[in-house]
Protein backbone atom coordinates (compact mmCIF):
# COMPACT_ATOMS: atom_id res chain seq x y z
CA MET A 1 -27.75 -201.03 -27.69
CA ARG A 2 -26.30 -197.63 -26.83
CA LEU A 3 -28.07 -194.75 -28.60
CA ALA A 4 -27.21 -191.05 -28.38
CA THR A 5 -28.41 -187.71 -29.66
CA TRP A 6 -26.38 -184.51 -29.86
CA ASN A 7 -26.91 -181.08 -31.38
CA VAL A 8 -23.26 -180.53 -32.33
CA ASN A 9 -23.71 -176.99 -33.66
CA SER A 10 -21.50 -177.61 -36.70
CA VAL A 11 -20.01 -181.05 -37.26
CA LYS A 12 -16.84 -179.66 -38.86
CA ALA A 13 -16.22 -177.16 -36.07
CA ARG A 14 -16.71 -179.93 -33.50
CA LEU A 15 -15.12 -182.78 -35.46
CA PRO A 16 -12.14 -183.44 -33.11
CA ARG A 17 -14.55 -183.39 -30.16
CA LEU A 18 -17.01 -185.65 -31.98
CA LEU A 19 -14.36 -188.20 -32.91
CA ASP A 20 -12.95 -188.30 -29.38
CA TRP A 21 -16.42 -188.62 -27.95
CA LEU A 22 -17.41 -191.43 -30.33
CA ALA A 23 -14.23 -193.33 -29.49
CA GLY A 24 -14.73 -192.91 -25.75
CA THR A 25 -18.49 -193.36 -25.45
CA GLU A 26 -18.89 -195.99 -28.19
CA PRO A 27 -22.57 -195.46 -29.04
CA ASP A 28 -24.09 -197.84 -31.57
CA VAL A 29 -26.35 -195.23 -33.11
CA VAL A 30 -25.95 -191.45 -32.93
CA CYS A 31 -28.42 -188.79 -34.04
CA LEU A 32 -26.84 -185.43 -34.83
CA GLN A 33 -28.47 -182.06 -35.35
CA GLU A 34 -27.26 -178.68 -36.64
CA THR A 35 -24.58 -180.38 -38.67
CA LYS A 36 -24.28 -177.27 -40.89
CA CYS A 37 -22.39 -179.34 -43.44
CA PRO A 38 -23.38 -180.07 -47.06
CA ASP A 39 -23.99 -183.76 -47.58
CA GLY A 40 -21.00 -184.14 -49.89
CA SER A 41 -18.70 -182.59 -47.29
CA PHE A 42 -19.80 -184.58 -44.25
CA PRO A 43 -16.72 -186.18 -42.63
CA ALA A 44 -17.92 -189.70 -43.40
CA ASP A 45 -14.40 -191.08 -43.84
CA GLU A 46 -13.32 -189.86 -40.40
CA VAL A 47 -16.29 -191.35 -38.56
CA GLY A 48 -16.08 -194.40 -40.83
CA GLU A 49 -12.68 -195.19 -39.35
CA LEU A 50 -14.52 -195.71 -36.06
CA GLY A 51 -16.93 -198.15 -37.70
CA TYR A 52 -19.87 -195.86 -38.46
CA GLU A 53 -22.01 -195.65 -41.56
CA VAL A 54 -23.45 -192.20 -42.21
CA ALA A 55 -26.78 -190.91 -43.46
CA SER A 56 -26.79 -187.12 -43.75
CA HIS A 57 -29.35 -184.53 -44.79
CA SER A 58 -28.07 -180.96 -44.96
CA ASP A 59 -27.74 -178.05 -47.34
CA GLY A 60 -24.80 -176.63 -45.39
CA ARG A 61 -26.60 -173.72 -43.77
CA TRP A 62 -27.76 -173.40 -40.15
CA ASN A 63 -29.65 -176.70 -39.99
CA GLY A 64 -28.80 -180.26 -41.01
CA VAL A 65 -29.32 -183.68 -39.44
CA ALA A 66 -27.53 -187.01 -39.57
CA ILE A 67 -27.61 -190.57 -38.27
CA LEU A 68 -24.40 -192.52 -37.58
CA SER A 69 -24.66 -196.27 -37.06
CA ARG A 70 -22.34 -199.16 -36.51
CA VAL A 71 -25.22 -201.71 -36.39
CA GLY A 72 -26.60 -201.16 -39.89
CA LEU A 73 -28.28 -198.33 -41.73
CA ALA A 74 -31.21 -199.22 -44.01
CA ASP A 75 -34.31 -197.61 -45.51
CA VAL A 76 -32.97 -194.09 -45.15
CA ALA A 77 -35.53 -191.33 -45.70
CA VAL A 78 -35.05 -187.57 -45.58
CA GLY A 79 -37.83 -185.26 -44.52
CA PHE A 80 -41.40 -186.50 -44.43
CA ALA A 81 -44.62 -186.28 -46.43
CA ASP A 82 -46.14 -182.80 -46.78
CA GLU A 83 -43.31 -181.28 -44.72
CA PRO A 84 -43.85 -177.51 -44.40
CA GLY A 85 -41.10 -175.10 -45.41
CA PHE A 86 -40.00 -171.55 -44.78
CA PRO A 87 -40.75 -171.11 -47.62
CA GLU A 88 -39.19 -174.39 -48.89
CA PRO A 89 -38.66 -177.54 -46.78
CA GLU A 90 -35.42 -177.43 -44.80
CA ALA A 91 -32.97 -180.17 -43.77
CA ARG A 92 -34.59 -180.97 -40.41
CA ALA A 93 -35.47 -184.66 -40.37
CA ILE A 94 -33.83 -187.94 -41.36
CA SER A 95 -34.80 -191.51 -40.52
CA ALA A 96 -33.30 -194.97 -40.92
CA THR A 97 -33.62 -198.51 -39.63
CA CYS A 98 -30.73 -199.62 -37.40
CA ALA A 99 -30.74 -203.24 -36.17
CA GLY A 100 -34.52 -203.43 -36.34
CA LEU A 101 -35.07 -200.08 -34.69
CA ARG A 102 -36.58 -197.18 -36.61
CA VAL A 103 -34.56 -194.09 -35.70
CA TRP A 104 -35.33 -190.46 -36.45
CA SER A 105 -33.02 -187.49 -35.97
CA ILE A 106 -34.91 -184.19 -35.94
CA TYR A 107 -34.14 -180.50 -35.58
CA VAL A 108 -37.38 -178.66 -34.88
CA PRO A 109 -37.63 -175.02 -36.08
CA ASN A 110 -36.74 -172.54 -33.35
CA GLY A 111 -39.85 -170.37 -33.66
CA ARG A 112 -37.94 -167.16 -32.87
CA THR A 113 -40.76 -165.20 -31.19
CA PRO A 114 -44.46 -166.03 -30.69
CA ASP A 115 -45.48 -163.22 -33.06
CA SER A 116 -43.14 -164.37 -35.81
CA PRO A 117 -44.17 -166.25 -38.97
CA HIS A 118 -41.41 -168.69 -37.98
CA TYR A 119 -43.42 -169.61 -34.89
CA GLU A 120 -46.43 -170.54 -37.05
CA TYR A 121 -44.07 -172.53 -39.24
CA LYS A 122 -42.83 -174.36 -36.15
CA LEU A 123 -46.35 -175.34 -35.10
CA ALA A 124 -47.25 -176.42 -38.64
CA TRP A 125 -44.05 -178.49 -38.81
CA PHE A 126 -44.99 -180.25 -35.54
CA ALA A 127 -48.50 -180.98 -36.79
CA VAL A 128 -47.30 -182.70 -39.96
CA LEU A 129 -44.53 -184.45 -38.04
CA ARG A 130 -47.24 -186.04 -35.88
CA ASP A 131 -48.84 -187.49 -39.02
CA ALA A 132 -45.45 -188.87 -40.11
CA PHE A 133 -44.97 -190.58 -36.74
CA ALA A 134 -48.47 -192.04 -36.88
CA ALA A 135 -47.57 -193.60 -40.22
CA GLU A 136 -44.30 -194.96 -38.85
CA LEU A 137 -46.08 -196.52 -35.88
CA ARG A 138 -48.36 -198.47 -38.19
CA THR A 139 -45.33 -200.40 -39.48
CA GLY A 140 -44.95 -202.08 -36.08
CA LEU A 141 -41.23 -201.40 -35.77
CA PRO A 142 -39.98 -199.98 -32.46
CA LEU A 143 -39.48 -196.26 -32.95
CA VAL A 144 -37.22 -193.69 -31.32
CA VAL A 145 -37.18 -190.02 -32.25
CA CYS A 146 -34.16 -188.10 -31.00
CA GLY A 147 -33.19 -184.51 -31.40
CA ASP A 148 -33.42 -180.86 -30.63
CA TYR A 149 -37.16 -180.28 -30.22
CA ASN A 150 -36.70 -176.60 -29.27
CA VAL A 151 -39.41 -176.95 -26.64
CA ALA A 152 -39.03 -177.39 -22.87
CA PRO A 153 -41.83 -179.82 -21.91
CA THR A 154 -42.53 -178.29 -18.50
CA ASP A 155 -41.53 -175.35 -16.32
CA ALA A 156 -39.10 -177.69 -14.52
CA ASP A 157 -37.19 -177.92 -17.80
CA VAL A 158 -36.04 -174.30 -17.77
CA TRP A 159 -33.77 -172.80 -15.15
CA ASP A 160 -36.08 -169.83 -14.39
CA PRO A 161 -39.61 -170.00 -15.83
CA THR A 162 -40.27 -166.35 -14.99
CA LEU A 163 -37.61 -165.27 -17.49
CA PHE A 164 -39.30 -167.14 -20.34
CA VAL A 165 -42.75 -165.55 -20.11
CA ASP A 166 -43.87 -164.45 -23.59
CA SER A 167 -40.97 -166.37 -25.17
CA THR A 168 -40.89 -169.36 -27.47
CA HIS A 169 -39.95 -172.86 -26.26
CA VAL A 170 -42.42 -172.71 -23.37
CA THR A 171 -45.72 -171.55 -24.86
CA PRO A 172 -48.86 -173.66 -24.35
CA ALA A 173 -49.15 -174.34 -28.09
CA GLU A 174 -45.59 -175.70 -28.32
CA ARG A 175 -46.02 -177.88 -25.26
CA GLN A 176 -49.35 -179.12 -26.64
CA ALA A 177 -47.48 -180.15 -29.82
CA LEU A 178 -45.22 -182.33 -27.69
CA ALA A 179 -48.22 -183.74 -25.85
CA ASP A 180 -49.82 -184.61 -29.20
CA LEU A 181 -46.70 -186.63 -30.12
CA ARG A 182 -46.76 -188.47 -26.81
CA ALA A 183 -50.46 -189.17 -27.27
CA LEU A 184 -49.52 -191.38 -30.23
CA GLY A 185 -47.93 -193.76 -27.73
CA LEU A 186 -44.49 -192.22 -27.39
CA THR A 187 -42.64 -192.04 -24.06
CA ASP A 188 -40.35 -189.22 -22.98
CA VAL A 189 -37.12 -190.97 -21.98
CA VAL A 190 -35.93 -188.47 -19.37
CA PRO A 191 -32.18 -188.65 -18.74
CA THR A 192 -30.48 -188.50 -15.36
CA PRO A 193 -28.98 -185.06 -14.63
CA MET A 194 -25.25 -185.07 -14.00
CA LYS A 195 -25.45 -181.83 -11.98
CA GLY A 196 -28.34 -180.50 -9.92
CA PRO A 197 -31.93 -181.76 -10.01
CA HIS A 198 -32.72 -180.96 -13.66
CA PRO A 199 -31.47 -182.83 -16.75
CA PHE A 200 -30.75 -179.72 -18.82
CA THR A 201 -29.26 -180.32 -22.24
CA TYR A 202 -28.69 -176.75 -23.50
CA TRP A 203 -26.94 -173.76 -21.99
CA ASP A 204 -26.47 -170.39 -23.63
CA TYR A 205 -22.86 -169.49 -24.48
CA ARG A 206 -23.03 -166.41 -22.26
CA ALA A 207 -20.42 -166.46 -19.50
CA GLY A 208 -21.40 -168.49 -16.48
CA MET A 209 -24.61 -170.02 -17.83
CA PHE A 210 -23.22 -173.55 -18.08
CA HIS A 211 -21.24 -173.47 -14.85
CA GLN A 212 -24.26 -172.09 -12.95
CA ASN A 213 -26.43 -174.74 -14.63
CA LYS A 214 -28.79 -172.12 -16.03
CA GLY A 215 -30.05 -174.27 -18.85
CA MET A 216 -33.01 -175.88 -20.59
CA ARG A 217 -34.09 -179.39 -21.46
CA ILE A 218 -34.95 -179.09 -25.12
CA ASP A 219 -33.12 -182.13 -26.52
CA LEU A 220 -35.46 -185.08 -26.13
CA VAL A 221 -35.72 -188.81 -26.78
CA TYR A 222 -39.26 -189.94 -27.56
CA ALA A 223 -39.78 -193.66 -28.02
CA THR A 224 -42.37 -196.38 -28.32
CA GLU A 225 -43.00 -198.64 -25.32
CA SER A 226 -41.09 -201.47 -27.01
CA PHE A 227 -37.94 -199.35 -26.82
CA ALA A 228 -38.59 -197.38 -23.63
CA ASP A 229 -39.26 -200.53 -21.60
CA ARG A 230 -35.76 -201.79 -22.44
CA VAL A 231 -33.95 -198.64 -21.27
CA THR A 232 -31.51 -199.43 -18.50
CA SER A 233 -29.96 -195.96 -18.20
CA ALA A 234 -30.11 -192.52 -19.76
CA TYR A 235 -27.95 -189.57 -18.89
CA VAL A 236 -26.88 -186.11 -20.03
CA ASP A 237 -23.18 -186.18 -20.85
CA ARG A 238 -22.16 -182.82 -19.38
CA GLU A 239 -18.47 -183.58 -19.92
CA ALA A 240 -18.99 -183.11 -23.66
CA ARG A 241 -20.18 -179.54 -22.98
CA LYS A 242 -16.97 -178.58 -21.17
CA GLY A 243 -13.63 -177.33 -22.44
CA LYS A 244 -12.67 -175.18 -25.39
CA ALA A 245 -15.19 -174.36 -28.16
CA PRO A 246 -17.94 -176.79 -27.21
CA SER A 247 -21.40 -177.06 -28.68
CA ASP A 248 -24.03 -175.24 -26.60
CA HIS A 249 -25.80 -178.59 -26.22
CA ALA A 250 -24.73 -181.76 -24.41
CA PRO A 251 -25.41 -185.28 -25.72
CA ILE A 252 -27.99 -187.63 -24.23
CA VAL A 253 -26.83 -191.24 -24.00
CA VAL A 254 -29.34 -194.07 -23.66
CA ASP A 255 -28.52 -197.72 -22.95
CA THR A 256 -30.99 -200.56 -23.52
CA THR A 257 -31.15 -204.30 -23.21
CA PRO A 258 -31.42 -206.32 -26.45
CA PRO A 259 -34.97 -206.85 -27.74
CA SER A 260 -36.54 -210.19 -26.93
CA VAL A 261 -36.46 -212.83 -29.62
CA ASP A 262 -40.18 -212.51 -30.31
CA ALA A 263 -40.17 -208.67 -30.30
């Protein structure tokens, strides 16, 4: 199976790029974030011509998530139990079963600044998300959670840690939230960098940031052992970040061997 995750930063604005990328990369399952497209307007027909079913959860504003699959799409669920809101729950999580794999696409709240109510919302969202994952794990299905976590797990995951002091994305509380997810039995599937020593997935639009590789690793793939042990390769597709009007994120592409018969 080939699985990918990509914060597209508006599926309609990036549609030609997305379609070309799908045709060239041929992932079996794709998790999208920041679709910014109302569910009824998602370009399902266009991606359907490439063989993908679509599950979308978006109100058309700045958030929105989706799962595309050409290996089946069953038991779709949007959000999760007791999901916090700001003030109402937002379109930040969707899950589905694809060829026996439970897949989540998530877009974690940004947090804005550590003294902002949005930061407290972010931590509360993480805490309840952990409970949702614990419930999923009890089903016994292999689980993979892809998306924009809006947290850099370590100082090595930001281009200059000294510039992020007193900022979100790197605070101890946010990193502890990631550690709490991993403590459930989830593995961080770290992709291979395609430039330099760090597998950054996000670069600000400011001039030169991408070309100088001044980025962050905030798009993550967390998975159960039954999935992570089958990974044969994982990489950041920097090519998708190049050219005219790209997203500020690059996709992560993960290849695995098929599950064993008795898995």
